[in-house]
Amino acid sequence: MPVKFGFSQVIVDRETKRKVVKHEYMKQKTTQELIDYINEGQKPKLKRKCRVELDRRGVKLVWKKKELDI
């Protein structure tokens, strides 16, 4: 089963009352979206999933230390 990025959503068509489940997978996200989430996200488990996905795509991450302005 593919790795999920977010929650699954159930979308109901109001005319026909049919339900469609929409999933949000890692492989659907762009590389820039994954990098932005690593930098700004709050959940360590999801950050790890993003790093694994970027590694699978062959993207090399370069870590830089933040400089403090005093």
Protein backbone atom coordinates (compact mmCIF):
# COMPACT_ATOMS: atom_id res chain seq x y z
CA MET A 1 0.00 0.00 0.00
CA PRO A 2 1.41 3.45 -0.85
CA VAL A 3 2.49 5.85 1.88
CA LYS A 4 -0.17 8.42 2.76
CA PHE A 5 0.51 12.13 3.20
CA GLY A 6 -2.82 13.19 4.68
CA PHE A 7 -6.20 11.82 5.63
CA SER A 8 -8.57 10.11 3.20
CA GLN A 9 -11.68 12.10 2.31
CA VAL A 10 -15.12 10.80 1.43
CA ILE A 11 -16.71 13.04 -1.22
CA VAL A 12 -20.47 12.65 -1.71
CA ASP A 13 -22.08 13.67 -5.01
CA ARG A 14 -25.23 15.52 -3.98
CA GLU A 15 -27.20 14.58 -7.09
CA THR A 16 -26.53 10.85 -7.27
CA LYS A 17 -25.57 10.29 -3.59
CA ARG A 18 -22.51 8.32 -4.70
CA LYS A 19 -19.51 8.27 -2.43
CA VAL A 20 -15.99 8.59 -3.75
CA VAL A 21 -12.96 8.14 -1.49
CA LYS A 22 -10.09 10.51 -2.25
CA HIS A 23 -6.68 9.50 -0.90
CA GLU A 24 -3.66 11.77 -0.53
CA TYR A 25 -0.44 9.86 -1.23
CA MET A 26 3.23 10.91 -0.99
CA LYS A 27 3.90 9.99 -4.61
CA GLN A 28 1.31 12.56 -5.75
CA LYS A 29 3.07 15.50 -4.09
CA THR A 30 5.63 17.59 -5.92
CA THR A 31 9.24 17.63 -4.77
CA GLN A 32 8.96 21.26 -3.70
CA GLU A 33 5.88 20.53 -1.56
CA LEU A 34 7.75 17.75 0.25
CA ILE A 35 10.81 19.95 0.86
CA ASP A 36 8.59 22.77 2.17
CA TYR A 37 6.88 20.38 4.57
CA ILE A 38 10.24 19.12 5.89
CA ASN A 39 11.27 22.72 6.61
CA GLU A 40 7.98 23.91 8.12
CA GLY A 41 6.05 20.82 9.23
CA GLN A 42 5.45 19.91 12.84
CA LYS A 43 4.95 16.13 12.80
CA PRO A 44 8.26 14.21 12.94
CA LYS A 45 6.67 11.01 11.60
CA LEU A 46 5.41 12.78 8.47
CA LYS A 47 8.76 14.56 8.02
CA ARG A 48 10.46 11.17 8.01
CA LYS A 49 8.02 9.89 5.39
CA CYS A 50 8.84 12.94 3.23
CA ARG A 51 12.59 12.31 3.54
CA VAL A 52 12.13 8.66 2.55
CA GLU A 53 10.05 9.67 -0.48
CA LEU A 54 12.67 12.21 -1.59
CA ASP A 55 15.37 9.56 -1.18
CA ARG A 56 13.30 7.20 -3.34
CA ARG A 57 13.14 9.90 -6.04
CA GLY A 58 16.91 10.40 -5.88
CA VAL A 59 16.85 13.89 -4.36
CA LYS A 60 19.86 14.68 -2.17
CA LEU A 61 19.12 16.94 0.79
CA VAL A 62 21.75 19.39 2.04
CA TRP A 63 21.34 20.38 5.68
CA LYS A 64 22.34 23.89 6.77
CA LYS A 65 22.49 25.28 10.28
CA LYS A 66 20.38 28.32 11.08
CA GLU A 67 22.35 31.41 12.00
CA LEU A 68 21.17 33.43 14.96
CA ASP A 69 21.08 37.22 14.68
CA ILE A 70 22.27 38.77 17.94
